[in-house]
Amino acid sequence: MVEVASVVGSTAVLQALDKGDGAMRIADISWYRLRSRFSFVRALGLLHDPVVMGHLLGEVSADRMFTAQSYPAASRLAHPSDDRLARL
């Protein structure tokens, strides 16, 4: 399970914490460098998710956590060699 903390900054970034339990974690997916935060969210298929949109709009606390188990697209993008989003 990958825990995704927030979508922040001028470039969309996924952040997660490694809790040492052996699960795959994302430290910083800054290598995607998408054109905008909305492009990133659209690519993950989360454009209509209220928590994600709340992050984008600054209406949800940055420490609100949700799991990639609920968002399979996020877990498929967890490895830096996966450059599908980099081409957007």
PDB file of N, CA and C in Angstrom:
ATOM      1  N   MET A   1       0.837  -1.175   0.000  1.00  0.00           N
ATOM      2  CA  MET A   1       0.000   0.000   0.000  1.00  0.00           C
ATOM      3  C   MET A   1       0.887   1.246   0.000  1.00  0.00           C
ATOM      4  N   VAL A   2       0.535   2.209  -0.795  1.00  0.00           N
ATOM      5  CA  VAL A   2       1.261   3.467  -0.849  1.00  0.00           C
ATOM      6  C   VAL A   2       0.386   4.535  -0.217  1.00  0.00           C
ATOM      7  N   GLU A   3       0.916   5.244   0.767  1.00  0.00           N
ATOM      8  CA  GLU A   3       0.169   6.324   1.385  1.00  0.00           C
ATOM      9  C   GLU A   3       0.548   7.634   0.715  1.00  0.00           C
ATOM     10  N   VAL A   4      -0.440   8.341   0.239  1.00  0.00           N
ATOM     11  CA  VAL A   4      -0.213   9.577  -0.485  1.00  0.00           C
ATOM     12  C   VAL A   4      -0.647  10.726   0.400  1.00  0.00           C
ATOM     13  N   ALA A   5       0.265  11.648   0.684  1.00  0.00           N
ATOM     14  CA  ALA A   5      -0.035  12.686   1.666  1.00  0.00           C
ATOM     15  C   ALA A   5      -0.701  13.899   1.069  1.00  0.00           C
ATOM     16  N   SER A   6      -0.168  14.461  -0.004  1.00  0.00           N
ATOM     17  CA  SER A   6      -0.744  15.709  -0.485  1.00  0.00           C
ATOM     18  C   SER A   6      -0.301  16.035  -1.894  1.00  0.00           C
ATOM     19  N   VAL A   7      -1.014  16.937  -2.503  1.00  0.00           N
ATOM     20  CA  VAL A   7      -0.645  17.474  -3.799  1.00  0.00           C
ATOM     21  C   VAL A   7      -0.332  18.939  -3.548  1.00  0.00           C
ATOM     22  N   VAL A   8       0.938  19.308  -3.648  1.00  0.00           N
ATOM     23  CA  VAL A   8       1.362  20.636  -3.212  1.00  0.00           C
ATOM     24  C   VAL A   8       2.315  21.280  -4.202  1.00  0.00           C
ATOM     25  N   GLY A   9       2.539  22.568  -4.041  1.00  0.00           N
ATOM     26  CA  GLY A   9       3.541  23.297  -4.808  1.00  0.00           C
ATOM     27  C   GLY A   9       3.091  23.668  -6.202  1.00  0.00           C
ATOM     28  N   SER A  10       3.979  24.322  -6.954  1.00  0.00           N
ATOM     29  CA  SER A  10       3.643  24.737  -8.303  1.00  0.00           C
ATOM     30  C   SER A  10       3.663  23.567  -9.272  1.00  0.00           C
ATOM     31  N   THR A  11       4.410  22.528  -8.937  1.00  0.00           N
ATOM     32  CA  THR A  11       4.402  21.276  -9.696  1.00  0.00           C
ATOM     33  C   THR A  11       3.773  20.219  -8.805  1.00  0.00           C
ATOM     34  N   ALA A  12       2.925  19.389  -9.387  1.00  0.00           N
ATOM     35  CA  ALA A  12       2.263  18.369  -8.587  1.00  0.00           C
ATOM     36  C   ALA A  12       3.279  17.391  -8.022  1.00  0.00           C
ATOM     37  N   VAL A  13       3.198  17.139  -6.731  1.00  0.00           N
ATOM     38  CA  VAL A  13       4.124  16.239  -6.045  1.00  0.00           C
ATOM     39  C   VAL A  13       3.334  15.320  -5.130  1.00  0.00           C
ATOM     40  N   LEU A  14       3.602  14.033  -5.213  1.00  0.00           N
ATOM     41  CA  LEU A  14       3.042  13.080  -4.252  1.00  0.00           C
ATOM     42  C   LEU A  14       4.086  12.843  -3.185  1.00  0.00           C
ATOM     43  N   GLN A  15       3.676  12.901  -1.942  1.00  0.00           N
ATOM     44  CA  GLN A  15       4.590  12.638  -0.846  1.00  0.00           C
ATOM     45  C   GLN A  15       4.019  11.537   0.034  1.00  0.00           C
ATOM     46  N   ALA A  16       4.887  10.692   0.535  1.00  0.00           N
ATOM     47  CA  ALA A  16       4.433   9.643   1.441  1.00  0.00           C
ATOM     48  C   ALA A  16       5.539   9.320   2.433  1.00  0.00           C
ATOM     49  N   LEU A  17       5.168   8.625   3.475  1.00  0.00           N
ATOM     50  CA  LEU A  17       6.104   8.317   4.543  1.00  0.00           C
ATOM     51  C   LEU A  17       6.472   6.844   4.531  1.00  0.00           C
ATOM     52  N   ASP A  18       7.759   6.547   4.682  1.00  0.00           N
ATOM     53  CA  ASP A  18       8.212   5.172   4.812  1.00  0.00           C
ATOM     54  C   ASP A  18       8.156   4.802   6.278  1.00  0.00           C
ATOM     55  N   LYS A  19       7.222   3.940   6.628  1.00  0.00           N
ATOM     56  CA  LYS A  19       7.055   3.546   8.026  1.00  0.00           C
ATOM     57  C   LYS A  19       7.823   2.272   8.356  1.00  0.00           C
ATOM     58  N   GLY A  20       8.663   1.823   7.420  1.00  0.00           N
ATOM     59  CA  GLY A  20       9.523   0.678   7.694  1.00  0.00           C
ATOM     60  C   GLY A  20       8.811  -0.653   7.766  1.00  0.00           C
ATOM     61  N   ASP A  21       7.621  -0.768   7.184  1.00  0.00           N
ATOM     62  CA  ASP A  21       6.892  -2.030   7.264  1.00  0.00           C
ATOM     63  C   ASP A  21       7.042  -2.865   5.996  1.00  0.00           C
ATOM     64  N   GLY A  22       7.925  -2.441   5.097  1.00  0.00           N
ATOM     65  CA  GLY A  22       8.173  -3.205   3.883  1.00  0.00           C
ATOM     66  C   GLY A  22       7.251  -2.860   2.734  1.00  0.00           C
ATOM     67  N   ALA A  23       6.235  -2.051   2.977  1.00  0.00           N
ATOM     68  CA  ALA A  23       5.343  -1.647   1.897  1.00  0.00           C
ATOM     69  C   ALA A  23       6.044  -0.624   1.010  1.00  0.00           C
ATOM     70  N   MET A  24       5.695  -0.609  -0.254  1.00  0.00           N
ATOM     71  CA  MET A  24       6.309   0.349  -1.160  1.00  0.00           C
ATOM     72  C   MET A  24       5.830   1.751  -0.804  1.00  0.00           C
ATOM     73  N   ARG A  25       6.748   2.680  -0.691  1.00  0.00           N
ATOM     74  CA  ARG A  25       6.409   4.056  -0.351  1.00  0.00           C
ATOM     75  C   ARG A  25       6.990   5.006  -1.395  1.00  0.00           C
ATOM     76  N   ILE A  26       6.350   6.110  -1.546  1.00  0.00           N
ATOM     77  CA  ILE A  26       6.847   7.144  -2.443  1.00  0.00           C
ATOM     78  C   ILE A  26       7.374   8.278  -1.582  1.00  0.00           C
ATOM     79  N   ALA A  27       8.626   8.665  -1.775  1.00  0.00           N
ATOM     80  CA  ALA A  27       9.183   9.775  -1.003  1.00  0.00           C
ATOM     81  C   ALA A  27       8.862  11.102  -1.677  1.00  0.00           C
ATOM     82  N   ASP A  28       9.069  11.167  -2.970  1.00  0.00           N
ATOM     83  CA  ASP A  28       8.841  12.424  -3.678  1.00  0.00           C
ATOM     84  C   ASP A  28       8.807  12.139  -5.177  1.00  0.00           C
ATOM     85  N   ILE A  29       7.657  12.243  -5.784  1.00  0.00           N
ATOM     86  CA  ILE A  29       7.560  11.974  -7.218  1.00  0.00           C
ATOM     87  C   ILE A  29       7.678  13.288  -7.981  1.00  0.00           C
ATOM     88  N   SER A  30       8.778  14.004  -7.746  1.00  0.00           N
ATOM     89  CA  SER A  30       8.976  15.281  -8.422  1.00  0.00           C
ATOM     90  C   SER A  30       9.419  15.091  -9.863  1.00  0.00           C
ATOM     91  N   TRP A  31       9.900  13.881 -10.222  1.00  0.00           N
ATOM     92  CA  TRP A  31      10.405  13.643 -11.571  1.00  0.00           C
ATOM     93  C   TRP A  31       9.311  13.717 -12.624  1.00  0.00           C
ATOM     94  N   TYR A  32       8.051  13.688 -12.233  1.00  0.00           N
ATOM     95  CA  TYR A  32       7.001  13.781 -13.252  1.00  0.00           C
ATOM     96  C   TYR A  32       6.882  15.189 -13.822  1.00  0.00           C
ATOM     97  N   ARG A  33       7.151  16.223 -13.035  1.00  0.00           N
ATOM     98  CA  ARG A  33       7.216  17.604 -13.512  1.00  0.00           C
ATOM     99  C   ARG A  33       6.144  17.909 -14.556  1.00  0.00           C
ATOM    100  N   LEU A  34       4.924  17.738 -14.165  1.00  0.00           N
ATOM    101  CA  LEU A  34       3.839  17.967 -15.110  1.00  0.00           C
ATOM    102  C   LEU A  34       3.599  19.450 -15.328  1.00  0.00           C
ATOM    103  N   ARG A  35       2.844  19.763 -16.368  1.00  0.00           N
ATOM    104  CA  ARG A  35       2.598  21.164 -16.697  1.00  0.00           C
ATOM    105  C   ARG A  35       1.845  21.895 -15.607  1.00  0.00           C
ATOM    106  N   SER A  36       0.977  21.192 -14.906  1.00  0.00           N
ATOM    107  CA  SER A  36       0.235  21.839 -13.825  1.00  0.00           C
ATOM    108  C   SER A  36      -0.273  20.784 -12.853  1.00  0.00           C
ATOM    109  N   ARG A  37      -0.681  21.227 -11.686  1.00  0.00           N
ATOM    110  CA  ARG A  37      -1.256  20.311 -10.708  1.00  0.00           C
ATOM    111  C   ARG A  37      -2.505  19.651 -11.265  1.00  0.00           C
ATOM    112  N   PHE A  38      -3.284  20.372 -12.038  1.00  0.00           N
ATOM    113  CA  PHE A  38      -4.515  19.798 -12.568  1.00  0.00           C
ATOM    114  C   PHE A  38      -4.233  18.723 -13.612  1.00  0.00           C
ATOM    115  N   SER A  39      -3.173  18.885 -14.397  1.00  0.00           N
ATOM    116  CA  SER A  39      -2.786  17.840 -15.349  1.00  0.00           C
ATOM    117  C   SER A  39      -2.438  16.559 -14.616  1.00  0.00           C
ATOM    118  N   PHE A  40      -1.743  16.705 -13.485  1.00  0.00           N
ATOM    119  CA  PHE A  40      -1.345  15.555 -12.688  1.00  0.00           C
ATOM    120  C   PHE A  40      -2.569  14.821 -12.142  1.00  0.00           C
ATOM    121  N   VAL A  41      -3.485  15.581 -11.574  1.00  0.00           N
ATOM    122  CA  VAL A  41      -4.683  14.981 -11.004  1.00  0.00           C
ATOM    123  C   VAL A  41      -5.528  14.339 -12.091  1.00  0.00           C
ATOM    124  N   ARG A  42      -5.630  14.989 -13.234  1.00  0.00           N
ATOM    125  CA  ARG A  42      -6.389  14.420 -14.350  1.00  0.00           C
ATOM    126  C   ARG A  42      -5.748  13.115 -14.800  1.00  0.00           C
ATOM    127  N   ALA A  43      -4.414  13.071 -14.868  1.00  0.00           N
ATOM    128  CA  ALA A  43      -3.718  11.859 -15.296  1.00  0.00           C
ATOM    129  C   ALA A  43      -3.963  10.700 -14.343  1.00  0.00           C
ATOM    130  N   LEU A  44      -4.119  10.994 -13.056  1.00  0.00           N
ATOM    131  CA  LEU A  44      -4.413   9.938 -12.080  1.00  0.00           C
ATOM    132  C   LEU A  44      -5.890   9.563 -12.056  1.00  0.00           C
ATOM    133  N   GLY A  45      -6.708  10.316 -12.769  1.00  0.00           N
ATOM    134  CA  GLY A  45      -8.135  10.049 -12.771  1.00  0.00           C
ATOM    135  C   GLY A  45      -8.822  10.499 -11.498  1.00  0.00           C
ATOM    136  N   LEU A  46      -8.249  11.496 -10.816  1.00  0.00           N
ATOM    137  CA  LEU A  46      -8.785  11.951  -9.531  1.00  0.00           C
ATOM    138  C   LEU A  46      -9.352  13.370  -9.608  1.00  0.00           C
ATOM    139  N   LEU A  47      -9.644  13.838 -10.815  1.00  0.00           N
ATOM    140  CA  LEU A  47     -10.068  15.233 -10.977  1.00  0.00           C
ATOM    141  C   LEU A  47     -11.330  15.550 -10.190  1.00  0.00           C
ATOM    142  N   HIS A  48     -12.191  14.546  -9.994  1.00  0.00           N
ATOM    143  CA  HIS A  48     -13.455  14.797  -9.292  1.00  0.00           C
ATOM    144  C   HIS A  48     -13.424  14.332  -7.844  1.00  0.00           C
ATOM    145  N   ASP A  49     -12.242  13.919  -7.361  1.00  0.00           N
ATOM    146  CA  ASP A  49     -12.141  13.479  -5.972  1.00  0.00           C
ATOM    147  C   ASP A  49     -12.105  14.706  -5.058  1.00  0.00           C
ATOM    148  N   PRO A  50     -13.042  14.811  -4.116  1.00  0.00           N
ATOM    149  CA  PRO A  50     -13.118  16.025  -3.290  1.00  0.00           C
ATOM    150  C   PRO A  50     -11.909  16.260  -2.396  1.00  0.00           C
ATOM    151  N   VAL A  51     -11.271  15.190  -1.907  1.00  0.00           N
ATOM    152  CA  VAL A  51     -10.090  15.367  -1.067  1.00  0.00           C
ATOM    153  C   VAL A  51      -8.938  15.932  -1.887  1.00  0.00           C
ATOM    154  N   VAL A  52      -8.717  15.351  -3.068  1.00  0.00           N
ATOM    155  CA  VAL A  52      -7.636  15.815  -3.932  1.00  0.00           C
ATOM    156  C   VAL A  52      -7.892  17.251  -4.380  1.00  0.00           C
ATOM    157  N   MET A  53      -9.111  17.532  -4.796  1.00  0.00           N
ATOM    158  CA  MET A  53      -9.423  18.890  -5.231  1.00  0.00           C
ATOM    159  C   MET A  53      -9.313  19.863  -4.064  1.00  0.00           C
ATOM    160  N   GLY A  54      -9.629  19.396  -2.875  1.00  0.00           N
ATOM    161  CA  GLY A  54      -9.459  20.233  -1.701  1.00  0.00           C
ATOM    162  C   GLY A  54      -8.009  20.609  -1.483  1.00  0.00           C
ATOM    163  N   HIS A  55      -7.103  19.632  -1.717  1.00  0.00           N
ATOM    164  CA  HIS A  55      -5.678  19.941  -1.627  1.00  0.00           C
ATOM    165  C   HIS A  55      -5.302  21.007  -2.649  1.00  0.00           C
ATOM    166  N   LEU A  56      -5.781  20.821  -3.859  1.00  0.00           N
ATOM    167  CA  LEU A  56      -5.433  21.765  -4.916  1.00  0.00           C
ATOM    168  C   LEU A  56      -5.943  23.162  -4.597  1.00  0.00           C
ATOM    169  N   LEU A  57      -7.064  23.228  -3.975  1.00  0.00           N
ATOM    170  CA  LEU A  57      -7.665  24.522  -3.668  1.00  0.00           C
ATOM    171  C   LEU A  57      -7.261  25.052  -2.301  1.00  0.00           C
ATOM    172  N   GLY A  58      -6.422  24.301  -1.598  1.00  0.00           N
ATOM    173  CA  GLY A  58      -5.965  24.742  -0.295  1.00  0.00           C
ATOM    174  C   GLY A  58      -7.014  24.660   0.789  1.00  0.00           C
ATOM    175  N   GLU A  59      -8.034  23.825   0.591  1.00  0.00           N
ATOM    176  CA  GLU A  59      -9.135  23.751   1.546  1.00  0.00           C
ATOM    177  C   GLU A  59      -9.046  22.542   2.470  1.00  0.00           C
ATOM    178  N   VAL A  60      -8.065  21.666   2.225  1.00  0.00           N
ATOM    179  CA  VAL A  60      -7.926  20.465   3.029  1.00  0.00           C
ATOM    180  C   VAL A  60      -6.540  20.480   3.658  1.00  0.00           C
ATOM    181  N   SER A  61      -6.447  20.096   4.898  1.00  0.00           N
ATOM    182  CA  SER A  61      -5.165  20.072   5.595  1.00  0.00           C
ATOM    183  C   SER A  61      -4.157  19.217   4.845  1.00  0.00           C
ATOM    184  N   ALA A  62      -2.913  19.674   4.786  1.00  0.00           N
ATOM    185  CA  ALA A  62      -1.873  18.971   4.042  1.00  0.00           C
ATOM    186  C   ALA A  62      -1.538  17.606   4.629  1.00  0.00           C
ATOM    187  N   ASP A  63      -1.939  17.355   5.865  1.00  0.00           N
ATOM    188  CA  ASP A  63      -1.606  16.055   6.452  1.00  0.00           C
ATOM    189  C   ASP A  63      -2.723  15.035   6.298  1.00  0.00           C
ATOM    190  N   ARG A  64      -3.774  15.366   5.556  1.00  0.00           N
ATOM    191  CA  ARG A  64      -4.859  14.416   5.296  1.00  0.00           C
ATOM    192  C   ARG A  64      -4.308  13.265   4.456  1.00  0.00           C
ATOM    193  N   MET A  65      -4.488  12.046   4.900  1.00  0.00           N
ATOM    194  CA  MET A  65      -3.911  10.901   4.205  1.00  0.00           C
ATOM    195  C   MET A  65      -4.996  10.097   3.495  1.00  0.00           C
ATOM    196  N   PHE A  66      -4.651   9.570   2.333  1.00  0.00           N
ATOM    197  CA  PHE A  66      -5.505   8.596   1.676  1.00  0.00           C
ATOM    198  C   PHE A  66      -4.597   7.570   1.030  1.00  0.00           C
ATOM    199  N   THR A  67      -5.107   6.394   0.737  1.00  0.00           N
ATOM    200  CA  THR A  67      -4.243   5.305   0.292  1.00  0.00           C
ATOM    201  C   THR A  67      -4.423   5.006  -1.184  1.00  0.00           C
ATOM    202  N   ALA A  68      -3.348   4.562  -1.806  1.00  0.00           N
ATOM    203  CA  ALA A  68      -3.394   4.185  -3.213  1.00  0.00           C
ATOM    204  C   ALA A  68      -4.208   2.916  -3.414  1.00  0.00           C
ATOM    205  N   GLN A  69      -4.484   2.202  -2.338  1.00  0.00           N
ATOM    206  CA  GLN A  69      -5.351   1.037  -2.457  1.00  0.00           C
ATOM    207  C   GLN A  69      -6.716   1.484  -2.962  1.00  0.00           C
ATOM    208  N   SER A  70      -7.134   2.658  -2.555  1.00  0.00           N
ATOM    209  CA  SER A  70      -8.394   3.221  -3.023  1.00  0.00           C
ATOM    210  C   SER A  70      -8.248   3.883  -4.389  1.00  0.00           C
ATOM    211  N   TYR A  71      -7.009   4.172  -4.774  1.00  0.00           N
ATOM    212  CA  TYR A  71      -6.731   4.865  -6.023  1.00  0.00           C
ATOM    213  C   TYR A  71      -5.677   4.075  -6.794  1.00  0.00           C
ATOM    214  N   PRO A  72      -6.079   2.993  -7.502  1.00  0.00           N
ATOM    215  CA  PRO A  72      -5.114   2.106  -8.149  1.00  0.00           C
ATOM    216  C   PRO A  72      -4.180   2.821  -9.122  1.00  0.00           C
ATOM    217  N   ALA A  73      -4.635   3.894  -9.764  1.00  0.00           N
ATOM    218  CA  ALA A  73      -3.778   4.605 -10.714  1.00  0.00           C
ATOM    219  C   ALA A  73      -2.524   5.119 -10.029  1.00  0.00           C
ATOM    220  N   ALA A  74      -2.634   5.564  -8.789  1.00  0.00           N
ATOM    221  CA  ALA A  74      -1.485   6.098  -8.065  1.00  0.00           C
ATOM    222  C   ALA A  74      -0.438   5.022  -7.825  1.00  0.00           C
ATOM    223  N   SER A  75      -0.862   3.817  -7.473  1.00  0.00           N
ATOM    224  CA  SER A  75       0.112   2.758  -7.197  1.00  0.00           C
ATOM    225  C   SER A  75       0.820   2.311  -8.469  1.00  0.00           C
ATOM    226  N   ARG A  76       0.150   2.408  -9.617  1.00  0.00           N
ATOM    227  CA  ARG A  76       0.799   2.031 -10.872  1.00  0.00           C
ATOM    228  C   ARG A  76       1.885   3.027 -11.264  1.00  0.00           C
ATOM    229  N   LEU A  77       1.841   4.237 -10.712  1.00  0.00           N
ATOM    230  CA  LEU A  77       2.796   5.275 -11.072  1.00  0.00           C
ATOM    231  C   LEU A  77       3.887   5.436 -10.035  1.00  0.00           C
ATOM    232  N   ALA A  78       4.026   4.457  -9.158  1.00  0.00           N
ATOM    233  CA  ALA A  78       4.913   4.609  -8.006  1.00  0.00           C
ATOM    234  C   ALA A  78       6.396   4.516  -8.342  1.00  0.00           C
ATOM    235  N   HIS A  79       6.753   3.973  -9.486  1.00  0.00           N
ATOM    236  CA  HIS A  79       8.175   3.782  -9.777  1.00  0.00           C
ATOM    237  C   HIS A  79       8.694   4.875 -10.714  1.00  0.00           C
ATOM    238  N   PRO A  80       9.870   5.456 -10.424  1.00  0.00           N
ATOM    239  CA  PRO A  80      10.384   6.554 -11.240  1.00  0.00           C
ATOM    240  C   PRO A  80      10.675   6.173 -12.688  1.00  0.00           C
ATOM    241  N   SER A  81      10.841   4.885 -12.980  1.00  0.00           N
ATOM    242  CA  SER A  81      11.096   4.484 -14.365  1.00  0.00           C
ATOM    243  C   SER A  81       9.814   4.525 -15.203  1.00  0.00           C
ATOM    244  N   ASP A  82       8.680   4.670 -14.552  1.00  0.00           N
ATOM    245  CA  ASP A  82       7.405   4.777 -15.254  1.00  0.00           C
ATOM    246  C   ASP A  82       7.244   6.232 -15.689  1.00  0.00           C
ATOM    247  N   ASP A  83       7.504   6.508 -16.966  1.00  0.00           N
ATOM    248  CA  ASP A  83       7.511   7.895 -17.431  1.00  0.00           C
ATOM    249  C   ASP A  83       6.259   8.267 -18.216  1.00  0.00           C
ATOM    250  N   ARG A  84       5.181   7.513 -18.063  1.00  0.00           N
ATOM    251  CA  ARG A  84       3.973   7.826 -18.816  1.00  0.00           C
ATOM    252  C   ARG A  84       3.494   9.251 -18.575  1.00  0.00           C
ATOM    253  N   LEU A  85       3.542   9.698 -17.316  1.00  0.00           N
ATOM    254  CA  LEU A  85       3.064  11.044 -17.015  1.00  0.00           C
ATOM    255  C   LEU A  85       4.052  12.116 -17.458  1.00  0.00           C
ATOM    256  N   ALA A  86       5.332  11.782 -17.523  1.00  0.00           N
ATOM    257  CA  ALA A  86       6.341  12.775 -17.890  1.00  0.00           C
ATOM    258  C   ALA A  86       6.133  13.280 -19.311  1.00  0.00           C
ATOM    259  N   ARG A  87       5.441  12.493 -20.124  1.00  0.00           N
ATOM    260  CA  ARG A  87       5.240  12.877 -21.519  1.00  0.00           C
ATOM    261  C   ARG A  87       4.034  13.785 -21.711  1.00  0.00           C
ATOM    262  N   LEU A  88       3.274  14.065 -20.668  1.00  0.00           N
ATOM    263  CA  LEU A  88       2.093  14.926 -20.796  1.00  0.00           C
ATOM    264  C   LEU A  88       2.471  16.349 -21.116  1.00  0.00           C
TER     265      LEU A  88
END
